[in-house]
């Protein structure tokens, strides 16, 4: 559903659409809250193995040779998730983060390249790459245990 929703927004960069769908894909809705943006274990693990350069990531398309290989596609998706996650949650000032993210979407949908929008809004590719690298190193998965009952499996945090 999240991937379908993000693909409906015409004009979004390919990497942004994939990253947004990944951030939304791990959403948990309960009676009291909605949680989204939770860490995805396989992506956290993949980020420890290596990353594309940010200019390469920002210009990759569905037709890129690296994207055609499944193992590279997983790395691409992991890094897109981390980048969009940082764009949404990376700043202490959430209002400023949201404003910058909305402006990024507005500019790219209007036809500006991702590289140009990043330069304008995030202080350049090198600055954003550094910030995402620091954030990616701090992603953690809370410890949990799987408990089974006669009716279902439940995940609980310790």
N, C-alpha and C. Protein backbone atom coordinates (compact mmCIF):
# COMPACT_ATOMS: atom_id res chain seq x y z
N UNK A 1 0.82 -1.19 0.00
CA UNK A 1 0.00 0.00 0.00
C UNK A 1 0.86 1.26 0.00
N UNK A 2 1.87 1.28 0.86
CA UNK A 2 2.73 2.47 0.96
C UNK A 2 3.45 2.73 -0.35
N UNK A 3 3.93 1.67 -1.01
CA UNK A 3 4.62 1.84 -2.28
C UNK A 3 3.64 2.38 -3.33
N UNK A 4 2.44 1.83 -3.37
CA UNK A 4 1.42 2.28 -4.31
C UNK A 4 1.08 3.75 -4.07
N UNK A 5 0.92 4.13 -2.82
CA UNK A 5 0.61 5.52 -2.47
C UNK A 5 1.70 6.46 -2.92
N UNK A 6 2.95 6.12 -2.66
CA UNK A 6 4.05 7.01 -3.03
C UNK A 6 4.24 7.09 -4.54
N UNK A 7 3.88 6.05 -5.27
CA UNK A 7 4.00 6.07 -6.73
C UNK A 7 2.92 6.94 -7.36
N UNK A 8 1.84 7.18 -6.65
CA UNK A 8 0.74 8.00 -7.17
C UNK A 8 1.13 9.48 -7.25
N UNK A 9 2.10 9.89 -6.49
CA UNK A 9 2.53 11.29 -6.51
C UNK A 9 3.47 11.48 -7.69
N UNK A 10 2.93 11.93 -8.78
CA UNK A 10 3.69 12.10 -10.02
C UNK A 10 4.79 13.14 -9.85
N UNK A 11 5.92 12.84 -10.43
CA UNK A 11 7.02 13.78 -10.43
C UNK A 11 8.00 13.64 -9.30
N UNK A 12 7.69 12.80 -8.31
CA UNK A 12 8.65 12.59 -7.23
C UNK A 12 9.85 11.82 -7.76
N UNK A 13 11.04 12.14 -7.29
CA UNK A 13 12.21 11.35 -7.71
C UNK A 13 12.02 9.88 -7.33
N UNK A 14 12.58 9.00 -8.15
CA UNK A 14 12.46 7.56 -7.94
C UNK A 14 12.94 7.16 -6.54
N UNK A 15 14.12 7.64 -6.14
CA UNK A 15 14.67 7.28 -4.84
C UNK A 15 13.76 7.77 -3.71
N UNK A 16 13.16 8.95 -3.88
CA UNK A 16 12.30 9.50 -2.83
C UNK A 16 11.03 8.66 -2.70
N UNK A 17 10.47 8.27 -3.82
CA UNK A 17 9.28 7.42 -3.79
C UNK A 17 9.57 6.09 -3.09
N UNK A 18 10.70 5.47 -3.40
CA UNK A 18 11.07 4.20 -2.75
C UNK A 18 11.33 4.40 -1.26
N UNK A 19 12.03 5.47 -0.90
CA UNK A 19 12.32 5.74 0.50
C UNK A 19 11.08 6.05 1.31
N UNK A 20 10.19 6.86 0.74
CA UNK A 20 8.95 7.20 1.45
C UNK A 20 8.09 5.97 1.66
N UNK A 21 8.01 5.12 0.64
CA UNK A 21 7.20 3.90 0.81
C UNK A 21 7.81 3.01 1.88
N UNK A 22 9.13 2.97 1.99
CA UNK A 22 9.77 2.16 3.03
C UNK A 22 9.51 2.74 4.42
N UNK A 23 9.60 4.06 4.56
CA UNK A 23 9.34 4.69 5.86
C UNK A 23 7.90 4.40 6.30
N UNK A 24 6.97 4.50 5.36
CA UNK A 24 5.56 4.26 5.69
C UNK A 24 5.22 2.78 5.86
N UNK A 25 6.02 1.90 5.27
CA UNK A 25 5.70 0.47 5.29
C UNK A 25 5.79 -0.15 6.66
N UNK A 26 6.52 0.45 7.55
CA UNK A 26 6.70 -0.11 8.88
C UNK A 26 5.81 0.64 9.89
N UNK A 27 4.62 0.98 9.48
CA UNK A 27 3.68 1.72 10.32
C UNK A 27 2.91 0.76 11.22
N UNK A 28 2.76 1.15 12.46
CA UNK A 28 1.98 0.39 13.43
C UNK A 28 0.86 1.29 13.94
N UNK A 29 -0.35 0.81 13.85
CA UNK A 29 -1.51 1.58 14.30
C UNK A 29 -2.16 0.82 15.45
N UNK A 30 -2.30 1.49 16.58
CA UNK A 30 -2.98 0.90 17.73
C UNK A 30 -4.15 1.80 18.11
N UNK A 31 -4.85 1.42 19.17
CA UNK A 31 -5.96 2.25 19.65
C UNK A 31 -5.48 3.61 20.15
N UNK A 32 -4.23 3.70 20.59
CA UNK A 32 -3.73 4.93 21.22
C UNK A 32 -2.76 5.73 20.38
N UNK A 33 -2.17 5.13 19.34
CA UNK A 33 -1.15 5.86 18.60
C UNK A 33 -0.91 5.28 17.22
N UNK A 34 -0.24 6.08 16.42
CA UNK A 34 0.25 5.64 15.13
C UNK A 34 1.76 5.84 15.14
N UNK A 35 2.50 4.78 14.86
CA UNK A 35 3.96 4.86 14.81
C UNK A 35 4.38 4.59 13.37
N UNK A 36 5.19 5.50 12.84
CA UNK A 36 5.77 5.24 11.53
C UNK A 36 7.21 5.68 11.55
N UNK A 37 7.98 5.12 10.63
CA UNK A 37 9.39 5.44 10.59
C UNK A 37 10.24 4.56 11.48
N UNK A 38 9.66 3.49 11.99
CA UNK A 38 10.42 2.57 12.84
C UNK A 38 11.55 1.94 12.01
N UNK A 39 12.64 1.62 12.67
CA UNK A 39 13.79 1.01 11.99
C UNK A 39 13.40 -0.33 11.39
N UNK A 40 13.94 -0.61 10.23
CA UNK A 40 13.72 -1.87 9.53
C UNK A 40 15.03 -2.66 9.61
N UNK A 41 14.98 -3.79 10.30
CA UNK A 41 16.20 -4.55 10.61
C UNK A 41 17.04 -4.84 9.37
N UNK A 42 16.45 -5.33 8.31
CA UNK A 42 17.24 -5.69 7.13
C UNK A 42 17.90 -4.45 6.51
N UNK A 43 17.26 -3.29 6.61
CA UNK A 43 17.85 -2.06 6.08
C UNK A 43 18.99 -1.58 6.97
N UNK A 44 18.79 -1.65 8.27
CA UNK A 44 19.86 -1.25 9.19
C UNK A 44 21.09 -2.13 8.95
N UNK A 45 20.87 -3.43 8.81
CA UNK A 45 21.98 -4.35 8.54
C UNK A 45 22.65 -4.02 7.21
N UNK A 46 21.86 -3.76 6.19
CA UNK A 46 22.41 -3.46 4.86
C UNK A 46 23.25 -2.19 4.88
N UNK A 47 22.83 -1.19 5.62
CA UNK A 47 23.57 0.08 5.68
C UNK A 47 24.96 -0.11 6.28
N UNK A 48 25.13 -1.14 7.11
CA UNK A 48 26.43 -1.41 7.70
C UNK A 48 27.39 -2.04 6.69
N UNK A 49 26.85 -2.61 5.61
CA UNK A 49 27.67 -3.29 4.62
C UNK A 49 28.22 -2.36 3.54
N UNK A 50 27.58 -1.23 3.35
CA UNK A 50 28.06 -0.30 2.34
C UNK A 50 26.92 0.56 1.81
N UNK A 51 27.33 1.64 1.12
CA UNK A 51 26.33 2.56 0.59
C UNK A 51 26.80 3.09 -0.77
N UNK A 52 25.84 3.52 -1.56
CA UNK A 52 26.15 4.23 -2.79
C UNK A 52 26.60 5.64 -2.42
N UNK A 53 27.33 6.28 -3.32
CA UNK A 53 27.59 7.70 -3.12
C UNK A 53 26.24 8.40 -3.26
N UNK A 54 26.08 9.50 -2.56
CA UNK A 54 24.79 10.19 -2.61
C UNK A 54 24.47 10.70 -4.01
N UNK A 55 25.41 11.25 -4.77
CA UNK A 55 25.07 11.64 -6.15
C UNK A 55 24.58 10.46 -6.99
N UNK A 56 25.19 9.29 -6.80
CA UNK A 56 24.75 8.10 -7.53
C UNK A 56 23.34 7.71 -7.12
N UNK A 57 23.08 7.71 -5.82
CA UNK A 57 21.75 7.36 -5.33
C UNK A 57 20.69 8.32 -5.87
N UNK A 58 20.98 9.61 -5.81
CA UNK A 58 20.00 10.62 -6.21
C UNK A 58 19.70 10.62 -7.70
N UNK A 59 20.55 10.01 -8.50
CA UNK A 59 20.33 9.99 -9.94
C UNK A 59 19.96 8.61 -10.47
N UNK A 60 19.87 7.61 -9.59
CA UNK A 60 19.53 6.26 -10.03
C UNK A 60 18.06 6.20 -10.45
N UNK A 61 17.80 5.39 -11.49
CA UNK A 61 16.44 5.19 -11.99
C UNK A 61 16.12 3.70 -12.00
N UNK A 62 14.89 3.39 -12.34
CA UNK A 62 14.49 1.98 -12.48
C UNK A 62 15.34 1.27 -13.53
N UNK A 63 15.84 2.03 -14.49
CA UNK A 63 16.60 1.46 -15.59
C UNK A 63 18.10 1.37 -15.32
N UNK A 64 18.54 1.84 -14.17
CA UNK A 64 19.97 1.79 -13.84
C UNK A 64 20.41 0.34 -13.68
N UNK A 65 21.59 -0.01 -14.22
CA UNK A 65 22.07 -1.40 -14.12
C UNK A 65 22.14 -1.91 -12.68
N UNK A 66 22.56 -1.07 -11.75
CA UNK A 66 22.65 -1.52 -10.36
C UNK A 66 21.28 -1.87 -9.80
N UNK A 67 20.27 -1.13 -10.18
CA UNK A 67 18.92 -1.39 -9.66
C UNK A 67 18.36 -2.71 -10.21
N UNK A 68 18.85 -3.16 -11.34
CA UNK A 68 18.37 -4.40 -11.94
C UNK A 68 18.80 -5.63 -11.15
N UNK A 69 19.88 -5.52 -10.37
CA UNK A 69 20.38 -6.65 -9.58
C UNK A 69 19.73 -6.61 -8.19
N UNK A 70 19.14 -7.72 -7.79
CA UNK A 70 18.36 -7.76 -6.55
C UNK A 70 19.16 -7.33 -5.32
N UNK A 71 20.38 -7.80 -5.19
CA UNK A 71 21.17 -7.44 -4.02
C UNK A 71 21.46 -5.94 -3.99
N UNK A 72 21.69 -5.35 -5.16
CA UNK A 72 21.92 -3.91 -5.24
C UNK A 72 20.62 -3.14 -4.99
N UNK A 73 19.51 -3.70 -5.42
CA UNK A 73 18.21 -3.07 -5.19
C UNK A 73 17.92 -2.99 -3.69
N UNK A 74 18.29 -4.02 -2.95
CA UNK A 74 18.07 -3.99 -1.50
C UNK A 74 18.93 -2.89 -0.86
N UNK A 75 20.17 -2.75 -1.31
CA UNK A 75 21.04 -1.68 -0.80
C UNK A 75 20.44 -0.31 -1.16
N UNK A 76 19.97 -0.18 -2.39
CA UNK A 76 19.34 1.06 -2.84
C UNK A 76 18.13 1.39 -1.95
N UNK A 77 17.25 0.41 -1.74
CA UNK A 77 16.07 0.64 -0.91
C UNK A 77 16.44 0.99 0.52
N UNK A 78 17.43 0.32 1.07
CA UNK A 78 17.87 0.62 2.44
C UNK A 78 18.37 2.05 2.55
N UNK A 79 19.17 2.46 1.58
CA UNK A 79 19.72 3.81 1.62
C UNK A 79 18.65 4.86 1.35
N UNK A 80 17.71 4.56 0.47
CA UNK A 80 16.58 5.49 0.23
C UNK A 80 15.76 5.65 1.50
N UNK A 81 15.52 4.54 2.19
CA UNK A 81 14.79 4.59 3.46
C UNK A 81 15.53 5.48 4.46
N UNK A 82 16.83 5.28 4.59
CA UNK A 82 17.61 6.06 5.55
C UNK A 82 17.60 7.54 5.19
N UNK A 83 17.72 7.85 3.92
CA UNK A 83 17.74 9.25 3.48
C UNK A 83 16.41 9.93 3.73
N UNK A 84 15.31 9.31 3.33
CA UNK A 84 13.99 9.91 3.56
C UNK A 84 13.69 9.96 5.05
N UNK A 85 14.08 8.93 5.79
CA UNK A 85 13.90 8.94 7.24
C UNK A 85 14.59 10.16 7.84
N UNK A 86 15.83 10.40 7.40
CA UNK A 86 16.56 11.56 7.90
C UNK A 86 15.87 12.86 7.49
N UNK A 87 15.38 12.93 6.28
CA UNK A 87 14.70 14.14 5.82
C UNK A 87 13.44 14.43 6.65
N UNK A 88 12.78 13.38 7.13
CA UNK A 88 11.57 13.56 7.94
C UNK A 88 11.90 13.80 9.41
N UNK A 89 12.80 12.99 9.96
CA UNK A 89 13.04 12.99 11.40
C UNK A 89 14.40 13.52 11.84
N UNK A 90 15.25 13.90 10.90
CA UNK A 90 16.65 14.17 11.22
C UNK A 90 16.95 15.44 11.99
N UNK A 91 16.07 16.39 11.97
CA UNK A 91 16.34 17.64 12.66
C UNK A 91 15.60 17.69 13.99
N UNK A 92 16.21 18.30 14.97
CA UNK A 92 15.55 18.46 16.27
C UNK A 92 14.31 19.33 16.12
N UNK A 93 14.37 20.31 15.24
CA UNK A 93 13.23 21.20 14.98
C UNK A 93 12.36 20.55 13.91
N UNK A 94 11.34 19.81 14.34
CA UNK A 94 10.50 19.06 13.41
C UNK A 94 9.76 19.97 12.43
N UNK A 95 9.38 21.16 12.88
CA UNK A 95 8.68 22.09 11.98
C UNK A 95 9.61 22.51 10.84
N UNK A 96 10.87 22.80 11.14
CA UNK A 96 11.84 23.16 10.11
C UNK A 96 12.09 21.98 9.17
N UNK A 97 12.16 20.78 9.73
CA UNK A 97 12.37 19.58 8.94
C UNK A 97 11.20 19.39 7.97
N UNK A 98 9.98 19.55 8.45
CA UNK A 98 8.79 19.39 7.62
C UNK A 98 8.75 20.46 6.53
N UNK A 99 9.10 21.68 6.87
CA UNK A 99 9.10 22.76 5.89
C UNK A 99 10.12 22.49 4.78
N UNK A 100 11.30 22.05 5.16
CA UNK A 100 12.34 21.75 4.17
C UNK A 100 11.93 20.56 3.29
N UNK A 101 11.35 19.53 3.90
CA UNK A 101 10.89 18.37 3.15
C UNK A 101 9.80 18.77 2.15
N UNK A 102 8.84 19.56 2.59
CA UNK A 102 7.78 20.02 1.69
C UNK A 102 8.33 20.84 0.54
N UNK A 103 9.32 21.67 0.82
CA UNK A 103 9.93 22.47 -0.23
C UNK A 103 10.70 21.58 -1.20
N UNK A 104 11.36 20.54 -0.68
CA UNK A 104 12.06 19.59 -1.55
C UNK A 104 11.06 18.94 -2.51
N UNK A 105 9.94 18.48 -1.98
CA UNK A 105 8.91 17.85 -2.82
C UNK A 105 8.40 18.85 -3.85
N UNK A 106 8.11 20.07 -3.43
CA UNK A 106 7.59 21.09 -4.34
C UNK A 106 8.57 21.34 -5.49
N UNK A 107 9.85 21.49 -5.15
CA UNK A 107 10.86 21.79 -6.16
C UNK A 107 11.06 20.63 -7.15
N UNK A 108 11.11 19.42 -6.64
CA UNK A 108 11.37 18.28 -7.53
C UNK A 108 10.15 17.96 -8.38
N UNK A 109 8.96 18.10 -7.82
CA UNK A 109 7.75 17.88 -8.63
C UNK A 109 7.67 18.94 -9.73
N UNK A 110 8.17 20.14 -9.45
CA UNK A 110 8.18 21.21 -10.45
C UNK A 110 9.28 21.03 -11.50
N UNK A 111 10.15 20.02 -11.32
CA UNK A 111 11.14 19.72 -12.33
C UNK A 111 12.59 19.91 -11.94
N UNK A 112 12.86 20.44 -10.76
CA UNK A 112 14.25 20.59 -10.33
C UNK A 112 14.83 19.21 -10.05
N UNK A 113 16.11 19.02 -10.37
CA UNK A 113 16.75 17.73 -10.08
C UNK A 113 16.93 17.57 -8.57
N UNK A 114 17.04 16.33 -8.15
CA UNK A 114 17.30 16.06 -6.73
C UNK A 114 18.59 16.71 -6.27
N UNK A 115 19.63 16.63 -7.12
CA UNK A 115 20.93 17.21 -6.75
C UNK A 115 20.81 18.72 -6.53
N UNK A 116 20.10 19.40 -7.41
CA UNK A 116 19.95 20.85 -7.27
C UNK A 116 19.11 21.20 -6.04
N UNK A 117 18.06 20.43 -5.79
CA UNK A 117 17.21 20.69 -4.62
C UNK A 117 17.98 20.43 -3.32
N UNK A 118 18.79 19.38 -3.30
CA UNK A 118 19.62 19.10 -2.12
C UNK A 118 20.62 20.23 -1.90
N UNK A 119 21.24 20.69 -2.97
CA UNK A 119 22.18 21.82 -2.84
C UNK A 119 21.49 23.04 -2.25
N UNK A 120 20.30 23.33 -2.73
CA UNK A 120 19.58 24.52 -2.29
C UNK A 120 19.07 24.41 -0.86
N UNK A 121 18.56 23.24 -0.48
CA UNK A 121 17.85 23.11 0.79
C UNK A 121 18.66 22.48 1.92
N UNK A 122 19.64 21.65 1.58
CA UNK A 122 20.35 20.89 2.61
C UNK A 122 21.84 21.24 2.68
N UNK A 123 22.24 22.32 2.06
CA UNK A 123 23.64 22.75 2.15
C UNK A 123 24.58 21.95 1.28
N UNK A 124 24.05 21.23 0.31
CA UNK A 124 24.88 20.48 -0.62
C UNK A 124 24.85 18.98 -0.33
N UNK A 125 25.28 18.24 -1.33
CA UNK A 125 25.28 16.78 -1.26
C UNK A 125 26.20 16.28 -0.14
N UNK A 126 27.38 16.89 -0.02
CA UNK A 126 28.34 16.43 1.00
C UNK A 126 27.77 16.61 2.41
N UNK A 127 27.12 17.74 2.66
CA UNK A 127 26.55 17.99 3.99
C UNK A 127 25.43 17.00 4.31
N UNK A 128 24.56 16.77 3.34
CA UNK A 128 23.46 15.82 3.58
C UNK A 128 24.00 14.41 3.72
N UNK A 129 24.97 14.04 2.91
CA UNK A 129 25.55 12.70 3.00
C UNK A 129 26.18 12.47 4.37
N UNK A 130 26.87 13.47 4.88
CA UNK A 130 27.48 13.36 6.20
C UNK A 130 26.41 13.19 7.28
N UNK A 131 25.35 13.99 7.21
CA UNK A 131 24.27 13.91 8.21
C UNK A 131 23.57 12.55 8.16
N UNK A 132 23.34 12.04 6.96
CA UNK A 132 22.67 10.73 6.83
C UNK A 132 23.60 9.62 7.31
N UNK A 133 24.90 9.73 7.05
CA UNK A 133 25.85 8.72 7.53
C UNK A 133 25.85 8.65 9.05
N UNK A 134 25.85 9.80 9.69
CA UNK A 134 25.80 9.83 11.16
C UNK A 134 24.49 9.22 11.66
N UNK A 135 23.38 9.59 11.02
CA UNK A 135 22.08 9.04 11.43
C UNK A 135 22.03 7.54 11.21
N UNK A 136 22.53 7.07 10.07
CA UNK A 136 22.48 5.64 9.75
C UNK A 136 23.28 4.82 10.75
N UNK A 137 24.37 5.38 11.25
CA UNK A 137 25.18 4.67 12.24
C UNK A 137 24.47 4.55 13.58
N UNK A 138 23.45 5.37 13.81
CA UNK A 138 22.78 5.35 15.11
C UNK A 138 21.45 4.60 15.09
N UNK A 139 21.02 4.10 13.92
CA UNK A 139 19.78 3.33 13.89
C UNK A 139 19.94 2.08 14.74
N UNK A 140 18.98 1.84 15.59
CA UNK A 140 19.01 0.63 16.42
C UNK A 140 17.66 -0.06 16.36
N UNK A 141 17.70 -1.34 16.61
CA UNK A 141 16.47 -2.14 16.69
C UNK A 141 16.30 -2.48 18.15
N UNK A 142 15.16 -2.09 18.76
CA UNK A 142 14.98 -2.43 20.17
C UNK A 142 14.92 -3.94 20.36
N UNK A 143 15.54 -4.43 21.43
CA UNK A 143 15.47 -5.88 21.67
C UNK A 143 14.03 -6.31 21.92
N UNK A 144 13.71 -7.47 21.50
CA UNK A 144 12.36 -7.97 21.70
C UNK A 144 12.37 -9.48 21.77
N UNK A 145 11.25 -10.01 22.06
CA UNK A 145 11.13 -11.46 22.07
C UNK A 145 9.82 -11.83 21.41
N UNK A 146 9.79 -13.00 20.86
CA UNK A 146 8.57 -13.49 20.23
C UNK A 146 7.91 -14.45 21.20
N UNK A 147 6.68 -14.16 21.52
CA UNK A 147 5.91 -15.05 22.40
C UNK A 147 4.78 -15.65 21.59
N UNK A 148 4.56 -16.91 21.77
CA UNK A 148 3.45 -17.51 21.05
C UNK A 148 2.37 -17.90 22.04
N UNK A 149 1.16 -17.74 21.58
CA UNK A 149 0.00 -18.21 22.33
C UNK A 149 -0.71 -19.20 21.42
N UNK A 150 -1.75 -19.77 21.89
CA UNK A 150 -2.46 -20.72 21.06
C UNK A 150 -3.12 -20.05 19.85
N UNK A 151 -3.31 -18.73 19.89
CA UNK A 151 -4.00 -18.04 18.81
C UNK A 151 -3.09 -17.23 17.88
N UNK A 152 -2.00 -16.68 18.39
CA UNK A 152 -1.19 -15.81 17.55
C UNK A 152 0.21 -15.62 18.12
N UNK A 153 1.08 -15.06 17.31
CA UNK A 153 2.40 -14.67 17.75
C UNK A 153 2.37 -13.19 18.07
N UNK A 154 3.04 -12.81 19.16
CA UNK A 154 3.08 -11.40 19.55
C UNK A 154 4.54 -10.99 19.72
N UNK A 155 4.88 -9.80 19.27
CA UNK A 155 6.21 -9.23 19.52
C UNK A 155 6.07 -8.30 20.70
N UNK A 156 6.95 -8.44 21.66
CA UNK A 156 6.97 -7.53 22.79
C UNK A 156 8.37 -7.02 22.99
N UNK A 157 8.48 -5.81 23.48
CA UNK A 157 9.80 -5.26 23.80
C UNK A 157 10.15 -5.63 25.21
N UNK A 158 11.46 -5.90 25.42
CA UNK A 158 11.90 -6.20 26.78
C UNK A 158 12.26 -4.93 27.48
